[in-house]
Amino acid sequence: MNDIKLALLGSEGAGKSAVLVRFLTKRFIGEYASNANSLYHKRLSIEGRQLNLEVFDPCSQSGESRCILEEPVDWADGFVVVYTISDRTSFLNAKNILAQIKESRRETCKGEVPVCLVGNKQDLCHSRQVSEEEGRVLSQEYKCLFQEVSAAENYLEISNLFTKLIRHVMEQLKHRGDRRRYSGSKSMAKLINNVFGKRRKSV
């Protein structure tokens, strides 16, 4: 069974945990604030291959919190960076996060880093502060996937974007000779215990 490790990053209030739980359980959890870091586990099958998916959902990041990004960036095979279309600050923070990922992985990763930029809360179009075109342009700048979604209203779009990202990660791992990753779940569990303090969740 192949291990796929993703990290979920974004500002407080962007709804990144809601996006993740929608993908994992098909349920919408609404907004909630958490000062804890969570590691989610799920087994799934893509293209006939059984996968063990781990997703690290750390505390929300501000644009200045470079330290919180260092361990997830080193650990993860791919990233989901979430902002809300109704908050320009969260979009600018997502741009900073993309830049930090690119900078941190430049010397340690051969080829591009699989990333999906997600504009959440598409259902709040009446209070939109970030156009879909701006999100698309930013994704092209950093050569990453892009999708606007509504965690509150649409499971299928979220499922499709995670599946697309996981397929991209599978291709990258297949062609990457040197996988500079922590091996196995125990290493990540120890990392989160030592550095962050964690909650483990299986779905």
C-alpha atoms as a PDB file:
ATOM      1  CA  MET A   1       0.000   0.000   0.000  1.00  0.00           C
ATOM      2  CA  ASN A   2       1.352   3.402  -0.997  1.00  0.00           C
ATOM      3  CA  ASP A   3       1.592   6.252   1.522  1.00  0.00           C
ATOM      4  CA  ILE A   4       0.497   9.705   0.395  1.00  0.00           C
ATOM      5  CA  LYS A   5       1.117  12.644   2.722  1.00  0.00           C
ATOM      6  CA  LEU A   6      -0.629  15.982   2.266  1.00  0.00           C
ATOM      7  CA  ALA A   7      -0.477  19.196   4.295  1.00  0.00           C
ATOM      8  CA  LEU A   8      -3.412  21.601   4.476  1.00  0.00           C
ATOM      9  CA  LEU A   9      -2.458  25.265   4.925  1.00  0.00           C
ATOM     10  CA  GLY A  10      -4.382  28.523   5.129  1.00  0.00           C
ATOM     11  CA  SER A  11      -5.593  31.448   7.199  1.00  0.00           C
ATOM     12  CA  GLU A  12      -7.963  31.293  10.136  1.00  0.00           C
ATOM     13  CA  GLY A  13     -11.515  31.529   8.865  1.00  0.00           C
ATOM     14  CA  ALA A  14     -10.694  30.266   5.369  1.00  0.00           C
ATOM     15  CA  GLY A  15     -12.536  27.023   6.099  1.00  0.00           C
ATOM     16  CA  LYS A  16      -9.616  24.692   5.357  1.00  0.00           C
ATOM     17  CA  SER A  17     -10.676  22.122   7.962  1.00  0.00           C
ATOM     18  CA  ALA A  18     -14.226  22.218   6.589  1.00  0.00           C
ATOM     19  CA  VAL A  19     -12.859  21.525   3.099  1.00  0.00           C
ATOM     20  CA  LEU A  20     -10.848  18.580   4.405  1.00  0.00           C
ATOM     21  CA  VAL A  21     -13.644  17.027   6.459  1.00  0.00           C
ATOM     22  CA  ARG A  22     -16.017  17.444   3.507  1.00  0.00           C
ATOM     23  CA  PHE A  23     -13.582  15.363   1.413  1.00  0.00           C
ATOM     24  CA  LEU A  24     -12.977  12.733   4.078  1.00  0.00           C
ATOM     25  CA  THR A  25     -16.546  12.243   5.320  1.00  0.00           C
ATOM     26  CA  LYS A  26     -18.822  14.001   2.762  1.00  0.00           C
ATOM     27  CA  ARG A  27     -20.209  16.002   5.699  1.00  0.00           C
ATOM     28  CA  PHE A  28     -20.065  19.776   6.229  1.00  0.00           C
ATOM     29  CA  ILE A  29     -18.878  20.688   9.712  1.00  0.00           C
ATOM     30  CA  GLY A  30     -19.355  24.453   9.554  1.00  0.00           C
ATOM     31  CA  GLU A  31     -16.880  26.932  10.983  1.00  0.00           C
ATOM     32  CA  TYR A  32     -14.883  26.218  14.081  1.00  0.00           C
ATOM     33  CA  ALA A  33     -11.714  27.631  15.564  1.00  0.00           C
ATOM     34  CA  SER A  34      -8.980  25.265  16.709  1.00  0.00           C
ATOM     35  CA  ASN A  35      -5.605  25.944  18.263  1.00  0.00           C
ATOM     36  CA  ALA A  36      -4.575  22.294  17.898  1.00  0.00           C
ATOM     37  CA  ASN A  37      -2.938  20.410  15.038  1.00  0.00           C
ATOM     38  CA  SER A  38      -4.600  17.319  13.604  1.00  0.00           C
ATOM     39  CA  LEU A  39      -3.366  14.357  11.592  1.00  0.00           C
ATOM     40  CA  TYR A  40      -6.106  12.593   9.614  1.00  0.00           C
ATOM     41  CA  HIS A  41      -5.880   9.087   8.145  1.00  0.00           C
ATOM     42  CA  LYS A  42      -7.947   7.553   5.364  1.00  0.00           C
ATOM     43  CA  ARG A  43      -7.574   4.504   3.136  1.00  0.00           C
ATOM     44  CA  LEU A  44      -8.789   4.957  -0.399  1.00  0.00           C
ATOM     45  CA  SER A  45      -8.462   3.489  -3.868  1.00  0.00           C
ATOM     46  CA  ILE A  46      -7.470   5.502  -6.941  1.00  0.00           C
ATOM     47  CA  GLU A  47      -7.040   3.896 -10.336  1.00  0.00           C
ATOM     48  CA  GLY A  48      -7.110   0.475  -8.702  1.00  0.00           C
ATOM     49  CA  ARG A  49      -4.282   1.301  -6.294  1.00  0.00           C
ATOM     50  CA  GLN A  50      -4.821   1.113  -2.541  1.00  0.00           C
ATOM     51  CA  LEU A  51      -3.523   4.210  -0.792  1.00  0.00           C
ATOM     52  CA  ASN A  52      -2.938   5.168   2.825  1.00  0.00           C
ATOM     53  CA  LEU A  53      -3.647   8.913   2.913  1.00  0.00           C
ATOM     54  CA  GLU A  54      -2.389  11.094   5.747  1.00  0.00           C
ATOM     55  CA  VAL A  55      -3.382  14.752   5.893  1.00  0.00           C
ATOM     56  CA  PHE A  56      -1.788  17.149   8.363  1.00  0.00           C
ATOM     57  CA  ASP A  57      -4.079  20.042   9.306  1.00  0.00           C
ATOM     58  CA  PRO A  58      -2.051  22.444  11.466  1.00  0.00           C
ATOM     59  CA  CYS A  59      -3.252  25.569  13.209  1.00  0.00           C
ATOM     60  CA  SER A  60      -4.151  28.359  10.819  1.00  0.00           C
ATOM     61  CA  GLN A  61      -1.155  30.294   9.548  1.00  0.00           C
ATOM     62  CA  SER A  62      -0.596  34.028   9.434  1.00  0.00           C
ATOM     63  CA  GLY A  63       1.637  35.465   6.756  1.00  0.00           C
ATOM     64  CA  GLU A  64       4.495  35.869   9.226  1.00  0.00           C
ATOM     65  CA  SER A  65       4.390  32.384  10.768  1.00  0.00           C
ATOM     66  CA  ARG A  66       7.230  30.857   8.783  1.00  0.00           C
ATOM     67  CA  CYS A  67       8.212  28.524  11.647  1.00  0.00           C
ATOM     68  CA  ILE A  68       4.865  26.673  11.593  1.00  0.00           C
ATOM     69  CA  LEU A  69       5.426  25.796   7.930  1.00  0.00           C
ATOM     70  CA  GLU A  70       8.894  24.277   8.166  1.00  0.00           C
ATOM     71  CA  GLU A  71       8.011  20.781   9.388  1.00  0.00           C
ATOM     72  CA  PRO A  72       4.885  20.237   7.205  1.00  0.00           C
ATOM     73  CA  VAL A  73       6.774  21.481   4.140  1.00  0.00           C
ATOM     74  CA  ASP A  74       9.583  18.994   4.745  1.00  0.00           C
ATOM     75  CA  TRP A  75       7.174  16.133   5.480  1.00  0.00           C
ATOM     76  CA  ALA A  76       4.443  16.459   2.882  1.00  0.00           C
ATOM     77  CA  ASP A  77       4.307  15.063  -0.645  1.00  0.00           C
ATOM     78  CA  GLY A  78       1.721  17.642  -1.668  1.00  0.00           C
ATOM     79  CA  PHE A  79      -0.136  20.687  -0.382  1.00  0.00           C
ATOM     80  CA  VAL A  80      -3.617  22.154  -0.317  1.00  0.00           C
ATOM     81  CA  VAL A  81      -3.528  25.931   0.248  1.00  0.00           C
ATOM     82  CA  VAL A  82      -6.923  27.416   1.105  1.00  0.00           C
ATOM     83  CA  TYR A  83      -8.222  30.978   1.090  1.00  0.00           C
ATOM     84  CA  THR A  84     -11.736  32.381   1.112  1.00  0.00           C
ATOM     85  CA  ILE A  85     -13.012  34.402  -1.834  1.00  0.00           C
ATOM     86  CA  SER A  86     -14.730  36.774   0.623  1.00  0.00           C
ATOM     87  CA  ASP A  87     -11.491  37.840   2.367  1.00  0.00           C
ATOM     88  CA  ARG A  88      -8.635  39.405   0.398  1.00  0.00           C
ATOM     89  CA  THR A  89      -6.278  39.105   3.373  1.00  0.00           C
ATOM     90  CA  SER A  90      -6.622  35.317   3.311  1.00  0.00           C
ATOM     91  CA  PHE A  91      -5.797  35.376  -0.412  1.00  0.00           C
ATOM     92  CA  LEU A  92      -2.646  37.439   0.172  1.00  0.00           C
ATOM     93  CA  ASN A  93      -1.675  35.045   2.949  1.00  0.00           C
ATOM     94  CA  ALA A  94      -2.179  32.097   0.585  1.00  0.00           C
ATOM     95  CA  LYS A  95       0.205  33.802  -1.827  1.00  0.00           C
ATOM     96  CA  ASN A  96       2.789  34.102   0.969  1.00  0.00           C
ATOM     97  CA  ILE A  97       2.339  30.426   1.847  1.00  0.00           C
ATOM     98  CA  LEU A  98       2.866  29.392  -1.797  1.00  0.00           C
ATOM     99  CA  ALA A  99       6.061  31.446  -1.875  1.00  0.00           C
ATOM    100  CA  GLN A 100       7.300  29.811   1.340  1.00  0.00           C
ATOM    101  CA  ILE A 101       6.567  26.323   0.005  1.00  0.00           C
ATOM    102  CA  LYS A 102       8.442  27.086  -3.202  1.00  0.00           C
ATOM    103  CA  GLU A 103      11.407  28.555  -1.338  1.00  0.00           C
ATOM    104  CA  SER A 104      11.595  25.744   1.226  1.00  0.00           C
ATOM    105  CA  ARG A 105      11.360  22.928  -1.319  1.00  0.00           C
ATOM    106  CA  ARG A 106      13.554  24.428  -4.039  1.00  0.00           C
ATOM    107  CA  GLU A 107      16.721  22.661  -2.903  1.00  0.00           C
ATOM    108  CA  THR A 108      15.154  19.439  -1.629  1.00  0.00           C
ATOM    109  CA  CYS A 109      12.673  18.466  -4.332  1.00  0.00           C
ATOM    110  CA  LYS A 110      13.339  17.418  -7.898  1.00  0.00           C
ATOM    111  CA  GLY A 111      10.607  18.669 -10.180  1.00  0.00           C
ATOM    112  CA  GLU A 112       7.601  20.741  -9.205  1.00  0.00           C
ATOM    113  CA  VAL A 113       5.870  20.378  -5.848  1.00  0.00           C
ATOM    114  CA  PRO A 114       2.237  19.211  -6.219  1.00  0.00           C
ATOM    115  CA  VAL A 115       0.053  21.993  -4.837  1.00  0.00           C
ATOM    116  CA  CYS A 116      -3.642  22.818  -5.152  1.00  0.00           C
ATOM    117  CA  LEU A 117      -4.780  26.399  -4.505  1.00  0.00           C
ATOM    118  CA  VAL A 118      -8.383  26.404  -3.289  1.00  0.00           C
ATOM    119  CA  GLY A 119     -10.721  29.397  -3.209  1.00  0.00           C
ATOM    120  CA  ASN A 120     -13.316  28.374  -0.636  1.00  0.00           C
ATOM    121  CA  LYS A 121     -16.782  29.802   0.161  1.00  0.00           C
ATOM    122  CA  GLN A 122     -17.840  30.103  -3.463  1.00  0.00           C
ATOM    123  CA  ASP A 123     -21.397  30.302  -2.133  1.00  0.00           C
ATOM    124  CA  LEU A 124     -20.571  33.760  -0.697  1.00  0.00           C
ATOM    125  CA  CYS A 125     -20.237  35.306  -4.157  1.00  0.00           C
ATOM    126  CA  HIS A 126     -22.326  38.298  -3.017  1.00  0.00           C
ATOM    127  CA  SER A 127     -19.446  39.310  -0.711  1.00  0.00           C
ATOM    128  CA  ARG A 128     -16.608  38.295  -3.049  1.00  0.00           C
ATOM    129  CA  GLN A 129     -13.331  40.195  -2.589  1.00  0.00           C
ATOM    130  CA  VAL A 130     -11.132  37.952  -4.761  1.00  0.00           C
ATOM    131  CA  SER A 131     -12.059  37.256  -8.376  1.00  0.00           C
ATOM    132  CA  GLU A 132     -11.763  33.768  -9.836  1.00  0.00           C
ATOM    133  CA  GLU A 133      -9.334  35.169 -12.400  1.00  0.00           C
ATOM    134  CA  GLU A 134      -6.990  36.386  -9.636  1.00  0.00           C
ATOM    135  CA  GLY A 135      -6.912  32.890  -8.173  1.00  0.00           C
ATOM    136  CA  ARG A 136      -6.239  31.374 -11.581  1.00  0.00           C
ATOM    137  CA  VAL A 137      -3.414  33.841 -12.305  1.00  0.00           C
ATOM    138  CA  LEU A 138      -1.795  33.101  -8.928  1.00  0.00           C
ATOM    139  CA  SER A 139      -1.999  29.359  -9.566  1.00  0.00           C
ATOM    140  CA  GLN A 140      -0.345  29.827 -12.957  1.00  0.00           C
ATOM    141  CA  GLU A 141       2.424  31.883 -11.348  1.00  0.00           C
ATOM    142  CA  TYR A 142       3.224  29.028  -8.959  1.00  0.00           C
ATOM    143  CA  LYS A 143       2.352  26.251 -11.431  1.00  0.00           C
ATOM    144  CA  CYS A 144      -0.246  24.658  -9.211  1.00  0.00           C
ATOM    145  CA  LEU A 145      -3.787  23.341  -9.555  1.00  0.00           C
ATOM    146  CA  PHE A 146      -6.652  25.735  -8.874  1.00  0.00           C
ATOM    147  CA  GLN A 147     -10.306  25.324  -7.967  1.00  0.00           C
ATOM    148  CA  GLU A 148     -12.997  27.460  -6.401  1.00  0.00           C
ATOM    149  CA  VAL A 149     -15.298  25.414  -4.167  1.00  0.00           C
ATOM    150  CA  SER A 150     -17.981  25.659  -1.528  1.00  0.00           C
ATOM    151  CA  ALA A 151     -17.368  23.309   1.389  1.00  0.00           C
ATOM    152  CA  ALA A 152     -20.891  24.132   2.546  1.00  0.00           C
ATOM    153  CA  GLU A 153     -22.619  23.131  -0.676  1.00  0.00           C
ATOM    154  CA  ASN A 154     -20.577  20.848  -2.912  1.00  0.00           C
ATOM    155  CA  TYR A 155     -18.802  17.576  -2.074  1.00  0.00           C
ATOM    156  CA  LEU A 156     -18.089  16.481  -5.650  1.00  0.00           C
ATOM    157  CA  GLU A 157     -15.873  19.435  -6.593  1.00  0.00           C
ATOM    158  CA  ILE A 158     -13.813  18.993  -3.432  1.00  0.00           C
ATOM    159  CA  SER A 159     -13.488  15.252  -3.999  1.00  0.00           C
ATOM    160  CA  ASN A 160     -12.348  15.838  -7.578  1.00  0.00           C
ATOM    161  CA  LEU A 161      -9.670  18.365  -6.612  1.00  0.00           C
ATOM    162  CA  PHE A 162      -8.210  16.087  -3.907  1.00  0.00           C
ATOM    163  CA  THR A 163      -8.240  13.146  -6.330  1.00  0.00           C
ATOM    164  CA  LYS A 164      -6.486  15.227  -8.978  1.00  0.00           C
ATOM    165  CA  LEU A 165      -3.836  16.359  -6.479  1.00  0.00           C
ATOM    166  CA  ILE A 166      -3.283  12.805  -5.198  1.00  0.00           C
ATOM    167  CA  ARG A 167      -2.803  11.563  -8.780  1.00  0.00           C
ATOM    168  CA  HIS A 168      -0.257  14.335  -9.322  1.00  0.00           C
ATOM    169  CA  VAL A 169       1.571  13.297  -6.142  1.00  0.00           C
ATOM    170  CA  MET A 170       1.574   9.646  -7.280  1.00  0.00           C
ATOM    171  CA  GLU A 171       3.189  10.667 -10.562  1.00  0.00           C
ATOM    172  CA  GLN A 172       5.810  12.790  -8.802  1.00  0.00           C
ATOM    173  CA  LEU A 173       6.708  10.009  -6.371  1.00  0.00           C
ATOM    174  CA  LYS A 174       6.908   7.519  -9.215  1.00  0.00           C
ATOM    175  CA  HIS A 175       9.496   9.609 -11.025  1.00  0.00           C
ATOM    176  CA  ARG A 176      11.375  10.937  -8.008  1.00  0.00           C
ATOM    177  CA  GLY A 177      14.389   8.833  -7.184  1.00  0.00           C
ATOM    178  CA  ASP A 178      15.234  10.607  -3.958  1.00  0.00           C
ATOM    179  CA  ARG A 179      12.273  10.827  -1.565  1.00  0.00           C
ATOM    180  CA  ARG A 180      13.429  13.099   1.204  1.00  0.00           C
ATOM    181  CA  ARG A 181      10.535  12.322   3.501  1.00  0.00           C
ATOM    182  CA  TYR A 182       9.992  11.050   7.023  1.00  0.00           C
ATOM    183  CA  SER A 183       9.234   7.338   6.760  1.00  0.00           C
ATOM    184  CA  GLY A 184       5.953   6.018   8.110  1.00  0.00           C
ATOM    185  CA  SER A 185       3.242   7.276  10.394  1.00  0.00           C
ATOM    186  CA  LYS A 186       5.294   6.862  13.573  1.00  0.00           C
ATOM    187  CA  SER A 187       7.799   9.470  12.451  1.00  0.00           C
ATOM    188  CA  MET A 188       5.066  12.040  11.843  1.00  0.00           C
ATOM    189  CA  ALA A 189       3.325  11.171  15.098  1.00  0.00           C
ATOM    190  CA  LYS A 190       6.578  11.726  16.976  1.00  0.00           C
ATOM    191  CA  LEU A 191       7.197  14.950  15.054  1.00  0.00           C
ATOM    192  CA  ILE A 192       3.793  16.379  15.927  1.00  0.00           C
ATOM    193  CA  ASN A 193       4.120  15.307  19.572  1.00  0.00           C
ATOM    194  CA  ASN A 194       7.492  16.994  19.896  1.00  0.00           C
ATOM    195  CA  VAL A 195       6.913  20.125  17.872  1.00  0.00           C
ATOM    196  CA  PHE A 196       3.206  20.835  17.764  1.00  0.00           C
ATOM    197  CA  GLY A 197       1.096  18.724  20.115  1.00  0.00           C
ATOM    198  CA  LYS A 198      -1.450  16.720  18.133  1.00  0.00           C
ATOM    199  CA  ARG A 199      -4.818  15.098  17.716  1.00  0.00           C
ATOM    200  CA  ARG A 200      -4.998  11.974  15.529  1.00  0.00           C
ATOM    201  CA  LYS A 201      -8.170  11.202  13.635  1.00  0.00           C
ATOM    202  CA  SER A 202      -9.064   8.247  11.443  1.00  0.00           C
ATOM    203  CA  VAL A 203     -12.002   8.485   9.055  1.00  0.00           C
END
